[in-house]
Protein backbone atom coordinates (compact mmCIF):
# COMPACT_ATOMS: atom_id res chain seq x y z
CA MET A 1 22.38 9.89 18.48
CA ARG A 2 21.03 11.29 21.69
CA TRP A 3 18.48 14.03 22.02
CA ASN A 4 17.87 16.09 25.14
CA ASN A 5 14.24 16.78 24.29
CA TRP A 6 11.56 16.08 21.71
CA ALA A 7 12.25 19.31 19.83
CA GLU A 8 15.80 18.15 19.08
CA PHE A 9 14.46 14.78 17.97
CA TRP A 10 11.98 16.34 15.54
CA ALA A 11 14.64 18.77 14.26
CA MET A 12 16.98 15.83 13.49
CA GLY A 13 20.12 17.94 13.86
CA GLY A 14 18.95 20.42 11.24
CA TYR A 15 18.09 17.75 8.66
CA ALA A 16 14.42 17.40 9.58
CA LEU A 17 13.17 18.37 6.12
CA TYR A 18 15.21 15.62 4.48
CA VAL A 19 14.60 12.99 7.15
CA TRP A 20 10.86 13.50 7.63
CA GLY A 21 10.33 14.19 3.94
CA SER A 22 11.94 10.84 3.15
CA VAL A 23 9.88 9.07 5.80
CA GLY A 24 6.68 10.67 4.50
CA LEU A 25 7.44 9.88 0.87
CA THR A 26 8.31 6.27 1.71
CA PHE A 27 5.08 5.86 3.65
CA LEU A 28 3.07 7.40 0.81
CA LEU A 29 4.67 5.11 -1.78
CA MET A 30 4.10 2.02 0.37
CA MET A 31 0.41 2.91 0.75
CA ALA A 32 0.17 3.46 -3.01
CA GLU A 33 1.71 0.01 -3.56
CA VAL A 34 -0.91 -1.60 -1.31
CA TRP A 35 -3.71 0.28 -3.09
CA VAL A 36 -2.45 -0.70 -6.56
CA ALA A 37 -2.05 -4.36 -5.53
CA LYS A 38 -5.61 -4.51 -4.16
CA ARG A 39 -6.97 -2.83 -7.27
CA ARG A 40 -5.16 -5.22 -9.61
CA HIS A 41 -6.30 -8.19 -7.53
CA GLN A 42 -9.94 -7.10 -7.86
CA GLN A 43 -9.51 -6.55 -11.61
CA THR A 44 -8.01 -10.02 -12.02
CA LEU A 45 -10.86 -11.60 -10.09
CA SER A 46 -13.37 -9.75 -12.29
CA VAL A 47 -11.67 -10.93 -15.48
CA LEU A 48 -11.55 -14.51 -14.24
CA GLN A 49 -15.22 -14.43 -13.31
CA ILE A 50 -16.19 -13.03 -16.71
CA ASN A 51 -14.09 -15.59 -18.61
CA HIS A 52 -14.94 -18.54 -16.36
CA PRO A 53 -18.35 -18.03 -14.81
CA THR A 54 -19.42 -20.52 -12.22
CA THR A 55 -22.25 -22.74 -13.36
CA THR A 56 -24.40 -25.11 -11.44
CA HIS A 57 -24.30 -28.57 -12.94
CA GLN A 58 -27.75 -30.18 -12.92
CA GLY A 59 -26.49 -33.64 -13.86
CA PRO A 60 -27.92 -35.84 -16.63
CA GLN A 61 -31.51 -35.21 -17.60
């Protein structure tokens, strides 16, 4: 496709609502995926630390 100006580009041949709505929704869902992955990672680290706390070994006394 070729556009003569930016207005035609943003209008996307009359399908701007569908095109930019899809782009926006995809971006939103990808950001949500990143947020959920980080949150689950932190939760997993917390569970591992609770179940397996690090201890300092003093050696034989």
